[in-house]
Structure formats: C-alpha cells, structure tokens
Amino acid sequence: MKKILLIILTICFVQMSFSQQESAFGDGEWFKFRMSYSGFLKAGNATLTVKDTKLDNKDVYHVVGKGWTTGMIKWFFKVRDRYESYFDKETIVPYKFVRNIDEGGYTKDIEIDFDQLNNKAYVNNKKHKKKTIIDTKPNIQDMVSTFYYLRNNMNTDSLEVGDEVRVDMFFDEENYGFKLRYLGEEILDTEFGDVETLKFRPYVMAGRVFKEEESLTLWVSKDKNKLPLRIKADLAVGSLRADLDAFKGLKHPFQIVVKQ
C-alpha cells in the first residue's frame, strides 16, 4: 500500500515493437483506480488525467497522476502522491517530469527537465536543494509518459506467449531498464462486464516492497484504448490489487464481451 501510484504505473515499464496507428488517447481522458489490500481491505485510490497544454511553446500533453490512502489505513499510514509528465503530442517523449510524494512521512520533491536532443536529464531535487545533470539514453521515457507512449504505438499482434519486452526509462536520478513477459490473452471479469485483455508479468526489484521479481501481474484491454484494468502485487507483507473503477474521455469505444 505504500506504493499506490507507483504500482499503478508499473504498466509503464515495458517496450514492444512499434507501428504507426491511430492515437489511443487524447485530451480529457481520466481514469480512477480502486486499491485493496490483502483482498478485502480498501487501501486507497489513484487517478490519471490527460490535458492539452503548452510547455516552452511546444504542444504537449500534461498528465497528472495522484494516489492517496483511504479508510482505516490512512489513520496509521497516510499516503499523498503526485506525479506529472509533460510529453510531446506527436512523439510522446517527455520534456518534464515531477514527483512529489509523502508516504507515511517518507517524502520526495523532484523535478526533471529532459533534453531529448542531447540526451540529458536536469534533475532538481528540491528537498535536498541539489541539482545534477545526468546522461540518458536516446528517447528516454519517464514512468508516466511510457504508459501513453506504448498505448499509442504498441503492436501486440506479433507478441507470443513468453515473449519478453523492455523499456529504457529515467526515474528520480537514475536510468532504469525494466522487462516484462507476455502471458497471453484472458477474459477478465470487471466492474464493467467481461473484457478481453492482454496479460503481462513485469519484473520488479525484490526487497523492501515487492516479495520477489515476479510479484506483479497486470491486465490491459485488448481494444484500441489499451485500458489498464487490473494490477495485482505480492508485497513483502500482504498483497495489493488495483482495479479500474471509473473512466471518461476515451477516444475509442470500450469493448465488453457480449454473452450469448
């Protein structure tokens, strides 16, 4: 429960074969997720919102992700997380990333400006009043922009069960490499009905938060929206589940399985 939004955005840690296709999202899209701990205890909520804006005279999408604890849990462990990404509307590469979190007193306040031309990240750690410049890989993604980049470009038709895909991304003050294994298709019982989904297993770092490297499972809709529908995580203590609870502003029809 300590990593509510971070777990939601683990869907970002993938890279697939890309092909030009119709945009999967647009201005006004909004998701809300419901979190539960160990299968029954409500843990919190998270939202993702997309808005058109400008940054340094560039047309960009501004995505804001928020996560917070609710119910009984917030009385002994309060979480208030905010993530922001400003990324190019055409290429979906990020220009600016913000991470401002408070997780039970553990806080971070970081802003990152990306120079995609020269492969640099300008990191402003506001909490520690420290500024650094770090080399990045070409077309580096942040943890928020990756999700939208993949939704807009991923070609899942060529994926086979067992295939592993990767992404290069920058988080806080480091370059990260993540991989994810494709597990196949599954019809998922959701709040909205039965939905055809693609199922993945991201690899995460085992230790303080996650029980082991293969602690996460995620499901995304098979339609043109590529909605994140469910994420399950085995934590060092207990388990956490995130379900898409509400949405609006989808660019394409949301498809459910009609039973005969």
C-alpha atoms as a PDB file:
ATOM      1  CA  MET A   1       0.000   0.000   0.000  1.00  0.00           C
ATOM      2  CA  LYS A   2       2.998   2.263   0.345  1.00  0.00           C
ATOM      3  CA  LYS A   3       3.458   2.432  -3.432  1.00  0.00           C
ATOM      4  CA  ILE A   4      -0.103   3.016  -4.621  1.00  0.00           C
ATOM      5  CA  LEU A   5       0.610   5.114  -7.701  1.00  0.00           C
ATOM      6  CA  LEU A   6       3.998   3.540  -8.356  1.00  0.00           C
ATOM      7  CA  ILE A   7       2.362   0.126  -8.668  1.00  0.00           C
ATOM      8  CA  ILE A   8      -0.331   1.559 -10.951  1.00  0.00           C
ATOM      9  CA  LEU A   9       2.348   2.975 -13.208  1.00  0.00           C
ATOM     10  CA  THR A  10       4.385  -0.206 -13.349  1.00  0.00           C
ATOM     11  CA  ILE A  11       2.398  -0.786 -16.526  1.00  0.00           C
ATOM     12  CA  CYS A  12       4.774   1.764 -17.963  1.00  0.00           C
ATOM     13  CA  PHE A  13       7.831  -0.443 -17.622  1.00  0.00           C
ATOM     14  CA  VAL A  14       7.582  -2.159 -20.991  1.00  0.00           C
ATOM     15  CA  GLN A  15       8.748  -1.732 -24.579  1.00  0.00           C
ATOM     16  CA  MET A  16       7.283  -3.514 -27.568  1.00  0.00           C
ATOM     17  CA  SER A  17       7.532  -3.482 -31.378  1.00  0.00           C
ATOM     18  CA  PHE A  18       6.117  -0.202 -32.627  1.00  0.00           C
ATOM     19  CA  SER A  19       3.939   0.618 -35.616  1.00  0.00           C
ATOM     20  CA  GLN A  20       2.134   3.817 -36.556  1.00  0.00           C
ATOM     21  CA  GLN A  21      -1.562   3.648 -35.724  1.00  0.00           C
ATOM     22  CA  GLU A  22      -4.446   5.813 -34.646  1.00  0.00           C
ATOM     23  CA  SER A  23      -3.911   7.590 -31.339  1.00  0.00           C
ATOM     24  CA  ALA A  24      -5.163   5.590 -28.348  1.00  0.00           C
ATOM     25  CA  PHE A  25      -5.912   8.587 -26.120  1.00  0.00           C
ATOM     26  CA  GLY A  26      -6.475  12.321 -26.100  1.00  0.00           C
ATOM     27  CA  ASP A  27      -7.314  15.444 -24.138  1.00  0.00           C
ATOM     28  CA  GLY A  28      -9.813  14.846 -21.334  1.00  0.00           C
ATOM     29  CA  GLU A  29      -9.123  11.176 -20.685  1.00  0.00           C
ATOM     30  CA  TRP A  30      -9.466  10.276 -16.993  1.00  0.00           C
ATOM     31  CA  PHE A  31      -9.023   7.035 -15.046  1.00  0.00           C
ATOM     32  CA  LYS A  32      -9.791   6.215 -11.425  1.00  0.00           C
ATOM     33  CA  PHE A  33      -8.433   3.095  -9.706  1.00  0.00           C
ATOM     34  CA  ARG A  34      -9.624   1.421  -6.530  1.00  0.00           C
ATOM     35  CA  MET A  35      -6.948  -0.193  -4.352  1.00  0.00           C
ATOM     36  CA  SER A  36      -7.492  -3.088  -1.933  1.00  0.00           C
ATOM     37  CA  TYR A  37      -5.029  -4.669   0.491  1.00  0.00           C
ATOM     38  CA  SER A  38      -4.849  -8.445   1.021  1.00  0.00           C
ATOM     39  CA  GLY A  39      -8.052  -8.950  -0.939  1.00  0.00           C
ATOM     40  CA  PHE A  40     -10.583  -7.227   1.299  1.00  0.00           C
ATOM     41  CA  LEU A  41      -9.319  -4.046   2.998  1.00  0.00           C
ATOM     42  CA  LYS A  42      -9.743  -0.837   0.981  1.00  0.00           C
ATOM     43  CA  ALA A  43      -6.333   0.783   0.687  1.00  0.00           C
ATOM     44  CA  GLY A  44      -6.780   3.882  -1.437  1.00  0.00           C
ATOM     45  CA  ASN A  45      -7.447   5.439  -4.812  1.00  0.00           C
ATOM     46  CA  ALA A  46      -5.413   6.681  -7.755  1.00  0.00           C
ATOM     47  CA  THR A  47      -6.277   8.833 -10.769  1.00  0.00           C
ATOM     48  CA  LEU A  48      -4.680   9.668 -14.123  1.00  0.00           C
ATOM     49  CA  THR A  49      -5.771  12.754 -16.084  1.00  0.00           C
ATOM     50  CA  VAL A  50      -4.722  13.927 -19.578  1.00  0.00           C
ATOM     51  CA  LYS A  51      -4.890  17.600 -20.612  1.00  0.00           C
ATOM     52  CA  ASP A  52      -3.689  19.590 -23.635  1.00  0.00           C
ATOM     53  CA  THR A  53      -1.274  22.421 -22.798  1.00  0.00           C
ATOM     54  CA  LYS A  54       1.922  24.157 -23.913  1.00  0.00           C
ATOM     55  CA  LEU A  55       5.409  23.927 -22.450  1.00  0.00           C
ATOM     56  CA  ASP A  56       8.098  26.276 -23.778  1.00  0.00           C
ATOM     57  CA  ASN A  57       5.890  26.932 -26.826  1.00  0.00           C
ATOM     58  CA  LYS A  58       5.588  23.198 -27.561  1.00  0.00           C
ATOM     59  CA  ASP A  59       2.230  21.451 -27.858  1.00  0.00           C
ATOM     60  CA  VAL A  60       2.244  18.811 -25.145  1.00  0.00           C
ATOM     61  CA  TYR A  61       0.038  16.548 -23.109  1.00  0.00           C
ATOM     62  CA  HIS A  62       0.129  17.205 -19.388  1.00  0.00           C
ATOM     63  CA  VAL A  63      -0.663  14.064 -17.399  1.00  0.00           C
ATOM     64  CA  VAL A  64      -1.249  14.239 -13.657  1.00  0.00           C
ATOM     65  CA  GLY A  65      -1.273  11.085 -11.563  1.00  0.00           C
ATOM     66  CA  LYS A  66      -2.462  11.172  -7.953  1.00  0.00           C
ATOM     67  CA  GLY A  67      -2.552   8.455  -5.311  1.00  0.00           C
ATOM     68  CA  TRP A  68      -3.852   8.533  -1.750  1.00  0.00           C
ATOM     69  CA  THR A  69      -4.809   6.171   1.061  1.00  0.00           C
ATOM     70  CA  THR A  70      -8.388   5.933   2.290  1.00  0.00           C
ATOM     71  CA  GLY A  71     -10.426   4.263   5.004  1.00  0.00           C
ATOM     72  CA  MET A  72      -8.821   2.704   8.065  1.00  0.00           C
ATOM     73  CA  ILE A  73      -5.365   2.513   6.522  1.00  0.00           C
ATOM     74  CA  LYS A  74      -4.931   6.279   6.278  1.00  0.00           C
ATOM     75  CA  TRP A  75      -5.186   6.599  10.063  1.00  0.00           C
ATOM     76  CA  PHE A  76      -1.927   4.750  10.615  1.00  0.00           C
ATOM     77  CA  PHE A  77      -0.234   5.171   7.225  1.00  0.00           C
ATOM     78  CA  LYS A  78      -1.109   8.215   5.158  1.00  0.00           C
ATOM     79  CA  VAL A  79      -0.068   8.479   1.504  1.00  0.00           C
ATOM     80  CA  ARG A  80      -0.371  11.527  -0.752  1.00  0.00           C
ATOM     81  CA  ASP A  81       1.468  11.092  -4.062  1.00  0.00           C
ATOM     82  CA  ARG A  82       1.523  13.314  -7.140  1.00  0.00           C
ATOM     83  CA  TYR A  83       3.260  12.571 -10.432  1.00  0.00           C
ATOM     84  CA  GLU A  84       3.272  14.796 -13.510  1.00  0.00           C
ATOM     85  CA  SER A  85       4.609  14.393 -17.021  1.00  0.00           C
ATOM     86  CA  TYR A  86       4.733  16.837 -19.923  1.00  0.00           C
ATOM     87  CA  PHE A  87       5.334  14.975 -23.185  1.00  0.00           C
ATOM     88  CA  ASP A  88       5.256  15.761 -26.901  1.00  0.00           C
ATOM     89  CA  LYS A  89       1.873  15.181 -28.513  1.00  0.00           C
ATOM     90  CA  GLU A  90       3.394  13.598 -31.613  1.00  0.00           C
ATOM     91  CA  THR A  91       6.433  11.639 -30.446  1.00  0.00           C
ATOM     92  CA  ILE A  92       5.267  11.071 -26.812  1.00  0.00           C
ATOM     93  CA  VAL A  93       8.791  11.729 -25.495  1.00  0.00           C
ATOM     94  CA  PRO A  94       8.842  13.625 -22.179  1.00  0.00           C
ATOM     95  CA  TYR A  95      10.178  17.129 -21.621  1.00  0.00           C
ATOM     96  CA  LYS A  96       9.406  17.462 -17.917  1.00  0.00           C
ATOM     97  CA  PHE A  97       8.614  15.128 -15.024  1.00  0.00           C
ATOM     98  CA  VAL A  98       7.517  15.906 -11.462  1.00  0.00           C
ATOM     99  CA  ARG A  99       7.429  13.588  -8.450  1.00  0.00           C
ATOM    100  CA  ASN A 100       6.051  14.984  -5.177  1.00  0.00           C
ATOM    101  CA  ILE A 101       5.221  12.311  -2.625  1.00  0.00           C
ATOM    102  CA  ASP A 102       4.533  11.828   1.071  1.00  0.00           C
ATOM    103  CA  GLU A 103       4.290   8.176   2.097  1.00  0.00           C
ATOM    104  CA  GLY A 104       3.970   7.879   5.849  1.00  0.00           C
ATOM    105  CA  GLY A 105       6.480  10.689   6.321  1.00  0.00           C
ATOM    106  CA  TYR A 106       8.831   9.497   3.572  1.00  0.00           C
ATOM    107  CA  THR A 107       8.925  12.450   1.199  1.00  0.00           C
ATOM    108  CA  LYS A 108      10.409  13.366  -2.178  1.00  0.00           C
ATOM    109  CA  ASP A 109      10.110  16.524  -4.248  1.00  0.00           C
ATOM    110  CA  ILE A 110      11.871  16.157  -7.595  1.00  0.00           C
ATOM    111  CA  GLU A 111      11.565  17.918 -10.959  1.00  0.00           C
ATOM    112  CA  ILE A 112      13.333  16.655 -14.070  1.00  0.00           C
ATOM    113  CA  ASP A 113      13.776  18.513 -17.358  1.00  0.00           C
ATOM    114  CA  PHE A 114      14.743  16.313 -20.309  1.00  0.00           C
ATOM    115  CA  ASP A 115      16.954  17.473 -23.152  1.00  0.00           C
ATOM    116  CA  GLN A 116      15.988  14.826 -25.694  1.00  0.00           C
ATOM    117  CA  LEU A 117      18.305  16.241 -28.357  1.00  0.00           C
ATOM    118  CA  ASN A 118      21.446  15.948 -26.225  1.00  0.00           C
ATOM    119  CA  ASN A 119      20.316  13.002 -24.069  1.00  0.00           C
ATOM    120  CA  LYS A 120      20.499  14.812 -20.748  1.00  0.00           C
ATOM    121  CA  ALA A 121      18.312  14.901 -17.651  1.00  0.00           C
ATOM    122  CA  TYR A 122      18.433  18.047 -15.499  1.00  0.00           C
ATOM    123  CA  VAL A 123      17.393  16.891 -12.039  1.00  0.00           C
ATOM    124  CA  ASN A 124      16.266  19.362  -9.379  1.00  0.00           C
ATOM    125  CA  ASN A 125      15.969  17.629  -6.010  1.00  0.00           C
ATOM    126  CA  LYS A 126      14.061  20.335  -4.156  1.00  0.00           C
ATOM    127  CA  LYS A 127      14.006  18.515  -0.841  1.00  0.00           C
ATOM    128  CA  HIS A 128      17.789  18.339  -0.644  1.00  0.00           C
ATOM    129  CA  LYS A 129      18.379  21.541  -2.650  1.00  0.00           C
ATOM    130  CA  LYS A 130      20.559  19.655  -5.091  1.00  0.00           C
ATOM    131  CA  LYS A 131      20.783  19.991  -8.888  1.00  0.00           C
ATOM    132  CA  THR A 132      22.501  17.434 -11.131  1.00  0.00           C
ATOM    133  CA  ILE A 133      22.885  16.701 -14.849  1.00  0.00           C
ATOM    134  CA  ILE A 134      22.783  13.037 -15.852  1.00  0.00           C
ATOM    135  CA  ASP A 135      23.319  11.381 -19.233  1.00  0.00           C
ATOM    136  CA  THR A 136      20.326   9.450 -20.561  1.00  0.00           C
ATOM    137  CA  LYS A 137      19.667   7.030 -23.374  1.00  0.00           C
ATOM    138  CA  PRO A 138      18.075   8.307 -26.606  1.00  0.00           C
ATOM    139  CA  ASN A 139      14.318   8.872 -26.447  1.00  0.00           C
ATOM    140  CA  ILE A 140      14.283   8.163 -22.737  1.00  0.00           C
ATOM    141  CA  GLN A 141      10.870   7.897 -21.077  1.00  0.00           C
ATOM    142  CA  ASP A 142       9.696   8.798 -17.595  1.00  0.00           C
ATOM    143  CA  MET A 143       7.463   6.470 -15.592  1.00  0.00           C
ATOM    144  CA  VAL A 144       4.260   8.269 -16.650  1.00  0.00           C
ATOM    145  CA  SER A 145       4.969   9.037 -20.315  1.00  0.00           C
ATOM    146  CA  THR A 146       5.919   5.426 -21.049  1.00  0.00           C
ATOM    147  CA  PHE A 147       2.367   4.249 -20.439  1.00  0.00           C
ATOM    148  CA  TYR A 148       0.961   6.652 -23.027  1.00  0.00           C
ATOM    149  CA  TYR A 149       3.816   6.084 -25.464  1.00  0.00           C
ATOM    150  CA  LEU A 150       3.114   2.359 -25.508  1.00  0.00           C
ATOM    151  CA  ARG A 151      -0.642   2.746 -25.714  1.00  0.00           C
ATOM    152  CA  ASN A 152      -0.177   4.896 -28.793  1.00  0.00           C
ATOM    153  CA  ASN A 153       2.387   2.713 -30.547  1.00  0.00           C
ATOM    154  CA  MET A 154       2.442  -0.847 -29.276  1.00  0.00           C
ATOM    155  CA  ASN A 155       1.878  -3.595 -31.808  1.00  0.00           C
ATOM    156  CA  THR A 156       0.589  -6.570 -29.850  1.00  0.00           C
ATOM    157  CA  ASP A 157      -0.300  -8.651 -32.911  1.00  0.00           C
ATOM    158  CA  SER A 158       3.223 -10.066 -33.136  1.00  0.00           C
ATOM    159  CA  LEU A 159       3.534 -10.970 -29.439  1.00  0.00           C
ATOM    160  CA  GLU A 160       3.706 -14.630 -28.498  1.00  0.00           C
ATOM    161  CA  VAL A 161       3.297 -16.136 -25.055  1.00  0.00           C
ATOM    162  CA  GLY A 162       6.639 -15.985 -23.251  1.00  0.00           C
ATOM    163  CA  ASP A 163       7.985 -13.014 -25.225  1.00  0.00           C
ATOM    164  CA  GLU A 164       9.912 -10.520 -23.112  1.00  0.00           C
ATOM    165  CA  VAL A 165       9.845  -6.808 -23.881  1.00  0.00           C
ATOM    166  CA  ARG A 166      11.856  -3.930 -22.401  1.00  0.00           C
ATOM    167  CA  VAL A 167      11.933  -0.186 -21.854  1.00  0.00           C
ATOM    168  CA  ASP A 168      14.586   2.387 -21.009  1.00  0.00           C
ATOM    169  CA  MET A 169      13.314   4.981 -18.578  1.00  0.00           C
ATOM    170  CA  PHE A 170      14.596   7.567 -16.139  1.00  0.00           C
ATOM    171  CA  PHE A 171      13.346   7.662 -12.566  1.00  0.00           C
ATOM    172  CA  ASP A 172      14.453  10.131  -9.853  1.00  0.00           C
ATOM    173  CA  GLU A 173      18.176  10.341 -10.612  1.00  0.00           C
ATOM    174  CA  GLU A 174      18.921   7.115 -12.465  1.00  0.00           C
ATOM    175  CA  ASN A 175      18.478   5.272 -15.748  1.00  0.00           C
ATOM    176  CA  TYR A 176      16.447   2.109 -15.347  1.00  0.00           C
ATOM    177  CA  GLY A 177      15.977  -0.932 -17.534  1.00  0.00           C
ATOM    178  CA  PHE A 178      12.801  -2.957 -16.997  1.00  0.00           C
ATOM    179  CA  LYS A 179      11.491  -6.056 -18.685  1.00  0.00           C
ATOM    180  CA  LEU A 180       8.087  -7.658 -18.869  1.00  0.00           C
ATOM    181  CA  ARG A 181       6.846 -11.065 -20.021  1.00  0.00           C
ATOM    182  CA  TYR A 182       3.709 -11.542 -22.113  1.00  0.00           C
ATOM    183  CA  LEU A 183       1.430 -14.202 -20.600  1.00  0.00           C
ATOM    184  CA  GLY A 184      -1.291 -14.306 -23.249  1.00  0.00           C
ATOM    185  CA  GLU A 185      -4.947 -13.320 -23.516  1.00  0.00           C
ATOM    186  CA  GLU A 186      -7.602 -13.615 -20.836  1.00  0.00           C
ATOM    187  CA  ILE A 187     -11.253 -12.639 -20.466  1.00  0.00           C
ATOM    188  CA  LEU A 188     -11.378 -10.598 -17.259  1.00  0.00           C
ATOM    189  CA  ASP A 189     -14.434 -10.134 -15.039  1.00  0.00           C
ATOM    190  CA  THR A 190     -14.515  -6.390 -14.281  1.00  0.00           C
ATOM    191  CA  GLU A 191     -16.870  -3.772 -12.861  1.00  0.00           C
ATOM    192  CA  PHE A 192     -17.947  -3.039 -16.433  1.00  0.00           C
ATOM    193  CA  GLY A 193     -18.506  -6.624 -17.575  1.00  0.00           C
ATOM    194  CA  ASP A 194     -16.312  -9.305 -19.129  1.00  0.00           C
ATOM    195  CA  VAL A 195     -13.444  -7.758 -21.126  1.00  0.00           C
ATOM    196  CA  GLU A 196     -10.895  -9.303 -23.484  1.00  0.00           C
ATOM    197  CA  THR A 197      -7.453  -8.481 -22.082  1.00  0.00           C
ATOM    198  CA  LEU A 198      -3.729  -8.917 -22.622  1.00  0.00           C
ATOM    199  CA  LYS A 199      -1.893 -10.238 -19.565  1.00  0.00           C
ATOM    200  CA  PHE A 200       1.680  -9.372 -18.574  1.00  0.00           C
ATOM    201  CA  ARG A 201       4.193 -10.126 -15.836  1.00  0.00           C
ATOM    202  CA  PRO A 202       6.567  -7.192 -15.135  1.00  0.00           C
ATOM    203  CA  TYR A 203       9.882  -7.875 -13.447  1.00  0.00           C
ATOM    204  CA  VAL A 204      10.468  -5.696 -10.394  1.00  0.00           C
ATOM    205  CA  MET A 205      13.178  -5.377  -7.801  1.00  0.00           C
ATOM    206  CA  ALA A 206      12.595  -7.785  -4.908  1.00  0.00           C
ATOM    207  CA  GLY A 207      13.216  -6.483  -1.422  1.00  0.00           C
ATOM    208  CA  ARG A 208      11.579  -3.947   0.844  1.00  0.00           C
ATOM    209  CA  VAL A 209       8.346  -3.528  -1.158  1.00  0.00           C
ATOM    210  CA  PHE A 210       7.929  -6.495  -3.510  1.00  0.00           C
ATOM    211  CA  LYS A 211       8.116 -10.118  -2.425  1.00  0.00           C
ATOM    212  CA  GLU A 212      10.056 -11.285  -5.496  1.00  0.00           C
ATOM    213  CA  GLU A 213      10.962 -10.245  -9.056  1.00  0.00           C
ATOM    214  CA  GLU A 214       7.756 -11.724 -10.480  1.00  0.00           C
ATOM    215  CA  SER A 215       5.440 -10.185  -7.890  1.00  0.00           C
ATOM    216  CA  LEU A 216       3.297  -8.192 -10.347  1.00  0.00           C
ATOM    217  CA  THR A 217       0.608  -9.222 -12.818  1.00  0.00           C
ATOM    218  CA  LEU A 218      -1.269  -6.736 -14.991  1.00  0.00           C
ATOM    219  CA  TRP A 219      -4.146  -6.807 -17.451  1.00  0.00           C
ATOM    220  CA  VAL A 220      -4.867  -4.259 -20.215  1.00  0.00           C
ATOM    221  CA  SER A 221      -7.860  -4.187 -22.552  1.00  0.00           C
ATOM    222  CA  LYS A 222      -7.343  -5.689 -25.983  1.00  0.00           C
ATOM    223  CA  ASP A 223      -9.242  -2.861 -27.722  1.00  0.00           C
ATOM    224  CA  LYS A 224      -7.768   0.333 -29.202  1.00  0.00           C
ATOM    225  CA  ASN A 225      -7.805   2.120 -25.826  1.00  0.00           C
ATOM    226  CA  LYS A 226      -5.390  -0.314 -24.122  1.00  0.00           C
ATOM    227  CA  LEU A 227      -7.007   0.440 -20.764  1.00  0.00           C
ATOM    228  CA  PRO A 228      -5.204  -0.696 -17.605  1.00  0.00           C
ATOM    229  CA  LEU A 229      -7.912  -2.800 -15.971  1.00  0.00           C
ATOM    230  CA  ARG A 230      -6.229  -4.626 -13.101  1.00  0.00           C
ATOM    231  CA  ILE A 231      -2.875  -4.938 -11.349  1.00  0.00           C
ATOM    232  CA  LYS A 232      -2.055  -7.460  -8.632  1.00  0.00           C
ATOM    233  CA  ALA A 233       1.076  -7.258  -6.481  1.00  0.00           C
ATOM    234  CA  ASP A 234       2.531  -9.652  -3.925  1.00  0.00           C
ATOM    235  CA  LEU A 235       4.227  -7.412  -1.385  1.00  0.00           C
ATOM    236  CA  ALA A 236       6.812  -8.205   1.266  1.00  0.00           C
ATOM    237  CA  VAL A 237       3.837  -8.112   3.639  1.00  0.00           C
ATOM    238  CA  GLY A 238       0.406  -8.960   2.208  1.00  0.00           C
ATOM    239  CA  SER A 239      -0.839  -8.210  -1.297  1.00  0.00           C
ATOM    240  CA  LEU A 240      -2.233  -5.232  -3.170  1.00  0.00           C
ATOM    241  CA  ARG A 241      -4.753  -5.078  -6.000  1.00  0.00           C
ATOM    242  CA  ALA A 242      -5.734  -2.135  -8.204  1.00  0.00           C
ATOM    243  CA  ASP A 243      -8.904  -2.210 -10.311  1.00  0.00           C
ATOM    244  CA  LEU A 244     -10.086   0.379 -12.805  1.00  0.00           C
ATOM    245  CA  ASP A 245     -13.138   1.817 -11.078  1.00  0.00           C
ATOM    246  CA  ALA A 246     -14.240   4.642 -13.404  1.00  0.00           C
ATOM    247  CA  PHE A 247     -13.216   6.363 -16.627  1.00  0.00           C
ATOM    248  CA  LYS A 248     -14.241   9.087 -19.053  1.00  0.00           C
ATOM    249  CA  GLY A 249     -12.988  10.781 -22.186  1.00  0.00           C
ATOM    250  CA  LEU A 250     -11.983   7.599 -24.032  1.00  0.00           C
ATOM    251  CA  LYS A 251     -11.031   8.086 -27.660  1.00  0.00           C
ATOM    252  CA  HIS A 252     -12.410   4.725 -28.794  1.00  0.00           C
ATOM    253  CA  PRO A 253     -15.401   2.561 -27.830  1.00  0.00           C
ATOM    254  CA  PHE A 254     -14.822   0.405 -24.785  1.00  0.00           C
ATOM    255  CA  GLN A 255     -15.492  -3.194 -25.752  1.00  0.00           C
ATOM    256  CA  ILE A 256     -17.040  -5.818 -23.482  1.00  0.00           C
ATOM    257  CA  VAL A 257     -17.770  -9.454 -24.218  1.00  0.00           C
ATOM    258  CA  VAL A 258     -21.443  -9.972 -25.044  1.00  0.00           C
ATOM    259  CA  LYS A 259     -22.553 -13.357 -23.746  1.00  0.00           C
ATOM    260  CA  GLN A 260     -24.866 -15.402 -25.954  1.00  0.00           C
END
